[in-house]
């Protein structure tokens, strides 16, 4: 039986029977090409599965409905950080050099908003109540 030398994928040569020659000419894909196609298929499958698993979220587990409601109400917000607390979500953000905390239910209903303020910015009755209730304590900002 006659044998033929053919180049391999790494530059080596292989001796094969001449009867196999026809099949190597019909299928000229090399091992590296097959491997790269498999990698591309695996990456594509991973991306598709990840998109399905993250459907209806923006990538960090916050439902799109909450992101949409927040964006409508606080379009000027900067440095936004969202956290999931089970049955509600808290977004911390800056707006006009102030830090705010806004809360939404797990079905995207607005619950409330909060902000830190200095004690001297409170109404007089609140300042007096704090002085009476916490006499002997010192309030500090920061």
N, C-alpha and C. Protein backbone atom coordinates (compact mmCIF):
# COMPACT_ATOMS: atom_id res chain seq x y z
N UNK A 1 0.86 -1.17 0.00
CA UNK A 1 0.00 0.00 0.00
C UNK A 1 0.90 1.23 0.00
N UNK A 2 0.54 2.17 -0.80
CA UNK A 2 1.30 3.39 -0.95
C UNK A 2 0.95 4.37 0.19
N UNK A 3 1.95 5.09 0.70
CA UNK A 3 1.72 6.04 1.79
C UNK A 3 2.07 7.44 1.32
N UNK A 4 1.42 8.43 1.94
CA UNK A 4 1.65 9.83 1.57
C UNK A 4 1.94 10.63 2.83
N UNK A 5 2.87 11.58 2.74
CA UNK A 5 3.20 12.47 3.85
C UNK A 5 2.29 13.70 3.77
N UNK A 6 1.63 14.05 4.90
CA UNK A 6 0.81 15.26 4.93
C UNK A 6 1.22 16.09 6.14
N UNK A 7 1.09 17.44 6.05
CA UNK A 7 1.46 18.29 7.19
C UNK A 7 0.38 18.23 8.27
N UNK A 8 0.82 18.25 9.52
CA UNK A 8 -0.11 18.26 10.65
C UNK A 8 -0.36 19.68 11.14
N UNK A 9 -1.24 19.87 12.12
CA UNK A 9 -1.60 21.20 12.59
C UNK A 9 -0.46 21.93 13.30
N UNK A 10 0.51 21.20 13.82
CA UNK A 10 1.62 21.85 14.54
C UNK A 10 2.89 21.89 13.71
N UNK A 11 2.79 21.57 12.44
CA UNK A 11 3.95 21.59 11.57
C UNK A 11 4.60 20.24 11.38
N UNK A 12 4.20 19.24 12.16
CA UNK A 12 4.71 17.88 12.00
C UNK A 12 4.13 17.28 10.72
N UNK A 13 4.76 16.27 10.21
CA UNK A 13 4.20 15.57 9.05
C UNK A 13 3.77 14.18 9.47
N UNK A 14 2.73 13.70 8.82
CA UNK A 14 2.17 12.40 9.14
C UNK A 14 2.15 11.55 7.88
N UNK A 15 2.42 10.28 8.03
CA UNK A 15 2.38 9.34 6.91
C UNK A 15 1.06 8.61 6.96
N UNK A 16 0.29 8.70 5.89
CA UNK A 16 -1.02 8.04 5.85
C UNK A 16 -1.14 7.22 4.58
N UNK A 17 -1.98 6.20 4.61
CA UNK A 17 -2.19 5.42 3.37
C UNK A 17 -2.85 6.31 2.32
N UNK A 18 -2.54 6.05 1.07
CA UNK A 18 -3.06 6.88 -0.01
C UNK A 18 -4.57 6.80 -0.10
N UNK A 19 -5.20 5.77 0.43
CA UNK A 19 -6.66 5.64 0.38
C UNK A 19 -7.31 6.73 1.22
N UNK A 20 -6.63 7.23 2.24
CA UNK A 20 -7.18 8.27 3.11
C UNK A 20 -7.02 9.65 2.48
N UNK A 21 -6.19 9.75 1.44
CA UNK A 21 -5.91 11.02 0.80
C UNK A 21 -7.19 11.74 0.40
N UNK A 22 -8.14 11.06 -0.14
CA UNK A 22 -9.38 11.69 -0.61
C UNK A 22 -10.11 12.34 0.55
N UNK A 23 -10.17 11.68 1.71
CA UNK A 23 -10.90 12.26 2.83
C UNK A 23 -10.19 13.49 3.39
N UNK A 24 -8.85 13.53 3.37
CA UNK A 24 -8.15 14.71 3.87
C UNK A 24 -8.29 15.88 2.92
N UNK A 25 -8.47 15.62 1.66
CA UNK A 25 -8.69 16.71 0.71
C UNK A 25 -10.11 17.23 0.79
N UNK A 26 -11.06 16.37 1.11
CA UNK A 26 -12.46 16.80 1.24
C UNK A 26 -12.69 17.60 2.50
N UNK A 27 -12.00 17.29 3.57
CA UNK A 27 -12.18 17.94 4.86
C UNK A 27 -10.86 18.57 5.30
N UNK A 28 -10.52 19.73 4.75
CA UNK A 28 -9.21 20.32 5.05
C UNK A 28 -9.13 21.06 6.38
N UNK A 29 -10.21 21.05 7.21
CA UNK A 29 -10.15 21.75 8.50
C UNK A 29 -9.08 21.14 9.39
N UNK A 30 -8.34 21.98 9.98
CA UNK A 30 -7.29 21.53 10.88
C UNK A 30 -7.82 21.48 12.30
N UNK A 31 -7.11 20.83 13.16
CA UNK A 31 -7.52 20.68 14.56
C UNK A 31 -7.69 22.04 15.22
N UNK A 32 -6.80 22.98 14.97
CA UNK A 32 -6.89 24.31 15.57
C UNK A 32 -8.16 25.02 15.14
N UNK A 33 -8.55 24.86 13.87
CA UNK A 33 -9.78 25.49 13.39
C UNK A 33 -11.00 24.88 14.08
N UNK A 34 -11.01 23.55 14.21
CA UNK A 34 -12.12 22.90 14.89
C UNK A 34 -12.19 23.33 16.35
N UNK A 35 -11.04 23.42 17.00
CA UNK A 35 -10.99 23.83 18.39
C UNK A 35 -11.53 25.26 18.55
N UNK A 36 -11.10 26.18 17.68
CA UNK A 36 -11.55 27.56 17.79
C UNK A 36 -13.05 27.67 17.54
N UNK A 37 -13.59 26.86 16.63
CA UNK A 37 -15.04 26.88 16.40
C UNK A 37 -15.79 26.39 17.64
N UNK A 38 -15.26 25.37 18.30
CA UNK A 38 -15.91 24.88 19.51
C UNK A 38 -15.89 25.94 20.61
N UNK A 39 -14.78 26.64 20.73
CA UNK A 39 -14.67 27.72 21.73
C UNK A 39 -15.70 28.80 21.44
N UNK A 40 -15.83 29.19 20.19
CA UNK A 40 -16.80 30.23 19.82
C UNK A 40 -18.21 29.77 20.14
N UNK A 41 -18.52 28.53 19.86
CA UNK A 41 -19.85 28.00 20.16
C UNK A 41 -20.09 27.99 21.67
N UNK A 42 -19.09 27.59 22.45
CA UNK A 42 -19.24 27.57 23.91
C UNK A 42 -19.43 28.98 24.47
N UNK A 43 -18.67 29.95 23.97
CA UNK A 43 -18.81 31.33 24.44
C UNK A 43 -20.19 31.87 24.09
N UNK A 44 -20.65 31.60 22.87
CA UNK A 44 -21.98 32.04 22.46
C UNK A 44 -23.05 31.43 23.35
N UNK A 45 -22.94 30.15 23.65
CA UNK A 45 -23.91 29.49 24.52
C UNK A 45 -23.89 30.11 25.92
N UNK A 46 -22.70 30.39 26.44
CA UNK A 46 -22.59 31.01 27.76
C UNK A 46 -23.27 32.38 27.78
N UNK A 47 -23.02 33.19 26.76
CA UNK A 47 -23.63 34.53 26.71
C UNK A 47 -25.14 34.42 26.64
N UNK A 48 -25.66 33.51 25.85
CA UNK A 48 -27.11 33.34 25.75
C UNK A 48 -27.71 32.90 27.08
N UNK A 49 -27.08 31.96 27.75
CA UNK A 49 -27.58 31.49 29.04
C UNK A 49 -27.52 32.61 30.08
N UNK A 50 -26.42 33.37 30.09
CA UNK A 50 -26.30 34.48 31.04
C UNK A 50 -27.39 35.52 30.79
N UNK A 51 -27.70 35.81 29.54
CA UNK A 51 -28.77 36.76 29.24
C UNK A 51 -30.12 36.26 29.72
N UNK A 52 -30.36 34.99 29.57
CA UNK A 52 -31.63 34.43 30.03
C UNK A 52 -31.73 34.50 31.55
N UNK A 53 -30.63 34.15 32.24
CA UNK A 53 -30.65 34.17 33.70
C UNK A 53 -30.77 35.58 34.26
N UNK A 54 -30.23 36.56 33.57
CA UNK A 54 -30.28 37.94 34.05
C UNK A 54 -31.44 38.72 33.46
N UNK A 55 -32.35 38.03 32.81
CA UNK A 55 -33.50 38.72 32.22
C UNK A 55 -34.27 39.46 33.31
N UNK A 56 -34.74 40.63 32.98
CA UNK A 56 -35.52 41.49 33.87
C UNK A 56 -34.69 42.08 35.01
N UNK A 57 -33.38 42.06 34.87
CA UNK A 57 -32.53 42.76 35.83
C UNK A 57 -31.51 43.56 35.04
N UNK A 58 -30.86 44.48 35.71
CA UNK A 58 -29.87 45.32 35.03
C UNK A 58 -28.45 44.83 35.26
N UNK A 59 -28.28 43.60 35.68
CA UNK A 59 -26.94 43.05 35.87
C UNK A 59 -26.54 42.92 37.32
N UNK A 60 -27.13 43.70 38.20
CA UNK A 60 -26.76 43.58 39.61
C UNK A 60 -27.95 43.14 40.47
N UNK A 61 -28.94 42.51 39.85
CA UNK A 61 -30.07 41.97 40.58
C UNK A 61 -31.18 42.94 40.88
N UNK A 62 -31.12 44.17 40.38
CA UNK A 62 -32.17 45.15 40.61
C UNK A 62 -33.15 45.06 39.45
N UNK A 63 -34.44 44.80 39.71
CA UNK A 63 -35.41 44.67 38.62
C UNK A 63 -35.48 45.94 37.75
N UNK A 64 -35.70 45.74 36.47
CA UNK A 64 -35.77 46.86 35.53
C UNK A 64 -36.88 47.83 35.89
N UNK A 65 -37.98 47.34 36.46
CA UNK A 65 -39.10 48.23 36.83
C UNK A 65 -38.64 49.26 37.88
N UNK A 66 -37.82 48.83 38.83
CA UNK A 66 -37.30 49.75 39.85
C UNK A 66 -36.32 50.73 39.22
N UNK A 67 -35.45 50.25 38.36
CA UNK A 67 -34.50 51.13 37.68
C UNK A 67 -35.24 52.18 36.87
N UNK A 68 -36.30 51.77 36.20
CA UNK A 68 -37.10 52.69 35.38
C UNK A 68 -37.77 53.75 36.25
N UNK A 69 -38.41 53.34 37.35
CA UNK A 69 -39.06 54.29 38.25
C UNK A 69 -38.06 55.27 38.86
N UNK A 70 -36.91 54.74 39.25
CA UNK A 70 -35.88 55.60 39.83
C UNK A 70 -35.41 56.63 38.81
N UNK A 71 -35.16 56.19 37.58
CA UNK A 71 -34.68 57.09 36.53
C UNK A 71 -35.67 58.20 36.22
N UNK A 72 -36.96 57.88 36.26
CA UNK A 72 -37.99 58.89 36.01
C UNK A 72 -37.99 59.95 37.11
N UNK A 73 -37.88 59.52 38.35
CA UNK A 73 -37.99 60.45 39.48
C UNK A 73 -36.70 61.19 39.81
N UNK A 74 -35.55 60.57 39.53
CA UNK A 74 -34.27 61.15 39.96
C UNK A 74 -33.30 61.19 38.78
N UNK A 75 -33.67 61.93 37.76
CA UNK A 75 -32.86 61.97 36.53
C UNK A 75 -31.51 62.66 36.72
N UNK A 76 -31.40 63.49 37.74
CA UNK A 76 -30.14 64.23 38.00
C UNK A 76 -29.22 63.49 38.97
N UNK A 77 -29.60 62.29 39.39
CA UNK A 77 -28.83 61.54 40.39
C UNK A 77 -27.45 61.15 39.85
N UNK A 78 -26.47 61.21 40.73
CA UNK A 78 -25.09 60.83 40.41
C UNK A 78 -24.63 59.80 41.44
N UNK A 79 -23.61 59.03 41.09
CA UNK A 79 -23.00 58.05 41.99
C UNK A 79 -24.05 57.15 42.64
N UNK A 80 -24.84 56.49 41.83
CA UNK A 80 -25.95 55.66 42.30
C UNK A 80 -25.43 54.28 42.71
N UNK A 81 -25.87 53.82 43.89
CA UNK A 81 -25.53 52.49 44.39
C UNK A 81 -26.82 51.84 44.89
N UNK A 82 -27.16 50.68 44.37
CA UNK A 82 -28.40 50.00 44.75
C UNK A 82 -28.10 48.76 45.57
N UNK A 83 -28.99 48.49 46.53
CA UNK A 83 -28.84 47.31 47.38
C UNK A 83 -30.19 46.62 47.53
N UNK A 84 -30.17 45.31 47.59
CA UNK A 84 -31.37 44.50 47.77
C UNK A 84 -31.43 44.06 49.23
N UNK A 85 -32.57 44.35 49.88
CA UNK A 85 -32.76 43.95 51.28
C UNK A 85 -33.94 43.00 51.41
N UNK A 86 -34.07 42.07 50.47
CA UNK A 86 -35.14 41.08 50.52
C UNK A 86 -36.43 41.61 49.94
N UNK A 87 -37.26 42.24 50.78
CA UNK A 87 -38.56 42.71 50.30
C UNK A 87 -38.53 44.17 49.84
N UNK A 88 -37.38 44.82 49.93
CA UNK A 88 -37.28 46.19 49.43
C UNK A 88 -35.87 46.46 48.90
N UNK A 89 -35.76 47.54 48.15
CA UNK A 89 -34.50 47.95 47.56
C UNK A 89 -34.17 49.37 48.00
N UNK A 90 -32.88 49.61 48.24
CA UNK A 90 -32.44 50.95 48.64
C UNK A 90 -31.44 51.46 47.62
N UNK A 91 -31.68 52.67 47.12
CA UNK A 91 -30.73 53.32 46.22
C UNK A 91 -30.12 54.50 46.96
N UNK A 92 -28.82 54.54 47.01
CA UNK A 92 -28.08 55.66 47.61
C UNK A 92 -27.50 56.46 46.46
N UNK A 93 -27.70 57.78 46.48
CA UNK A 93 -27.20 58.59 45.37
C UNK A 93 -26.92 60.01 45.81
N UNK A 94 -26.20 60.72 44.98
CA UNK A 94 -25.89 62.13 45.23
C UNK A 94 -26.65 62.99 44.23
N UNK A 95 -27.14 64.12 44.74
CA UNK A 95 -27.82 65.07 43.88
C UNK A 95 -27.62 66.44 44.49
N UNK A 96 -27.09 67.36 43.74
CA UNK A 96 -26.82 68.71 44.20
C UNK A 96 -26.00 68.72 45.50
N UNK A 97 -24.94 67.93 45.52
CA UNK A 97 -24.00 67.82 46.65
C UNK A 97 -24.62 67.29 47.94
N UNK A 98 -25.76 66.64 47.87
CA UNK A 98 -26.39 66.01 49.04
C UNK A 98 -26.53 64.53 48.76
N UNK A 99 -26.47 63.72 49.82
CA UNK A 99 -26.67 62.28 49.69
C UNK A 99 -28.09 61.93 50.09
N UNK A 100 -28.75 61.14 49.26
CA UNK A 100 -30.13 60.72 49.51
C UNK A 100 -30.22 59.20 49.50
N UNK A 101 -31.24 58.70 50.17
CA UNK A 101 -31.53 57.27 50.22
C UNK A 101 -33.00 57.13 49.81
N UNK A 102 -33.25 56.39 48.74
CA UNK A 102 -34.63 56.20 48.30
C UNK A 102 -34.95 54.71 48.38
N UNK A 103 -36.17 54.40 48.77
CA UNK A 103 -36.58 53.01 49.00
C UNK A 103 -37.74 52.65 48.10
N UNK A 104 -37.67 51.43 47.52
CA UNK A 104 -38.73 50.89 46.67
C UNK A 104 -39.07 49.49 47.16
N UNK A 105 -40.36 49.13 47.03
CA UNK A 105 -40.76 47.76 47.36
C UNK A 105 -40.27 46.83 46.26
N UNK A 106 -40.40 45.53 46.48
CA UNK A 106 -39.94 44.57 45.47
C UNK A 106 -40.81 44.57 44.21
N UNK A 107 -41.96 45.30 44.25
CA UNK A 107 -42.80 45.44 43.05
C UNK A 107 -42.73 46.86 42.50
N UNK A 108 -41.64 47.55 42.79
CA UNK A 108 -41.31 48.87 42.24
C UNK A 108 -42.22 50.00 42.72
N UNK A 109 -42.82 49.85 43.90
CA UNK A 109 -43.60 50.94 44.48
C UNK A 109 -42.68 51.81 45.33
N UNK A 110 -42.77 53.12 45.17
CA UNK A 110 -41.98 54.06 45.96
C UNK A 110 -42.40 53.95 47.42
N UNK A 111 -41.45 53.76 48.33
CA UNK A 111 -41.73 53.63 49.76
C UNK A 111 -41.40 54.93 50.48
N UNK A 112 -40.23 55.51 50.18
CA UNK A 112 -39.85 56.75 50.85
C UNK A 112 -38.47 57.20 50.46
N UNK A 113 -38.11 58.37 50.96
CA UNK A 113 -36.79 58.94 50.69
C UNK A 113 -36.25 59.53 51.99
N UNK A 114 -34.95 59.47 52.18
CA UNK A 114 -34.32 60.00 53.39
C UNK A 114 -33.03 60.70 53.02
N UNK A 115 -32.59 61.57 53.92
CA UNK A 115 -31.33 62.29 53.75
C UNK A 115 -30.81 62.66 55.13
N UNK A 116 -29.51 62.71 55.27
CA UNK A 116 -28.91 63.15 56.52
C UNK A 116 -28.87 64.68 56.54
N UNK A 117 -29.19 65.25 57.69
CA UNK A 117 -29.08 66.70 57.84
C UNK A 117 -28.38 67.01 59.16
N UNK A 118 -27.81 68.19 59.24
CA UNK A 118 -27.16 68.61 60.48
C UNK A 118 -28.22 68.95 61.52
N UNK A 119 -27.91 68.72 62.79
CA UNK A 119 -28.89 68.96 63.85
C UNK A 119 -29.29 70.44 63.94
N UNK A 120 -28.40 71.34 63.57
CA UNK A 120 -28.76 72.76 63.64
C UNK A 120 -29.68 73.19 62.50
N UNK A 121 -29.94 72.29 61.56
CA UNK A 121 -30.88 72.56 60.47
C UNK A 121 -32.29 72.03 60.78
N UNK A 122 -32.43 71.36 61.92
CA UNK A 122 -33.74 70.85 62.33
C UNK A 122 -34.60 72.00 62.85
N UNK A 123 -35.93 71.80 62.84
CA UNK A 123 -36.81 72.81 63.45
C UNK A 123 -36.47 72.97 64.94
N UNK A 124 -36.74 74.13 65.48
CA UNK A 124 -36.41 74.45 66.88
C UNK A 124 -36.98 73.44 67.86
N UNK A 125 -38.22 73.00 67.66
CA UNK A 125 -38.82 72.04 68.60
C UNK A 125 -38.08 70.71 68.58
N UNK A 126 -37.61 70.29 67.41
CA UNK A 126 -36.85 69.04 67.31
C UNK A 126 -35.50 69.18 67.98
N UNK A 127 -34.84 70.34 67.80
CA UNK A 127 -33.56 70.57 68.46
C UNK A 127 -33.71 70.52 69.98
N UNK A 128 -34.79 71.15 70.50
CA UNK A 128 -35.04 71.15 71.95
C UNK A 128 -35.30 69.74 72.45
N UNK A 129 -36.08 68.96 71.69
CA UNK A 129 -36.37 67.57 72.07
C UNK A 129 -35.12 66.72 72.15
N UNK A 130 -34.22 66.93 71.19
CA UNK A 130 -32.96 66.17 71.18
C UNK A 130 -32.10 66.57 72.38
N UNK A 131 -32.05 67.87 72.69
CA UNK A 131 -31.24 68.34 73.83
C UNK A 131 -31.77 67.77 75.14
N UNK A 132 -33.10 67.71 75.28
CA UNK A 132 -33.70 67.16 76.51
C UNK A 132 -33.50 65.66 76.61
N UNK A 133 -33.76 64.95 75.50
CA UNK A 133 -33.71 63.48 75.52
C UNK A 133 -32.28 62.97 75.63
N UNK A 134 -31.33 63.69 75.06
CA UNK A 134 -29.95 63.24 75.05
C UNK A 134 -29.03 64.21 75.77
N UNK A 135 -29.52 64.72 76.89
CA UNK A 135 -28.71 65.63 77.70
C UNK A 135 -27.42 64.93 78.12
N UNK A 136 -26.32 65.61 78.03
CA UNK A 136 -25.04 65.03 78.42
C UNK A 136 -24.31 64.38 77.27
N UNK A 137 -24.98 64.26 76.12
CA UNK A 137 -24.34 63.66 74.92
C UNK A 137 -23.96 64.79 73.99
N UNK A 138 -22.98 64.51 73.15
CA UNK A 138 -22.53 65.50 72.17
C UNK A 138 -22.83 64.96 70.78
N UNK A 139 -23.57 65.74 69.98
CA UNK A 139 -23.85 65.35 68.60
C UNK A 139 -22.72 65.82 67.71
N UNK A 140 -22.25 64.94 66.85
CA UNK A 140 -21.17 65.29 65.93
C UNK A 140 -21.63 65.02 64.51
N UNK A 141 -21.18 65.83 63.60
CA UNK A 141 -21.51 65.57 62.19
C UNK A 141 -20.40 64.72 61.58
N UNK A 142 -20.76 63.99 60.54
CA UNK A 142 -19.77 63.19 59.84
C UNK A 142 -19.87 61.81 60.22
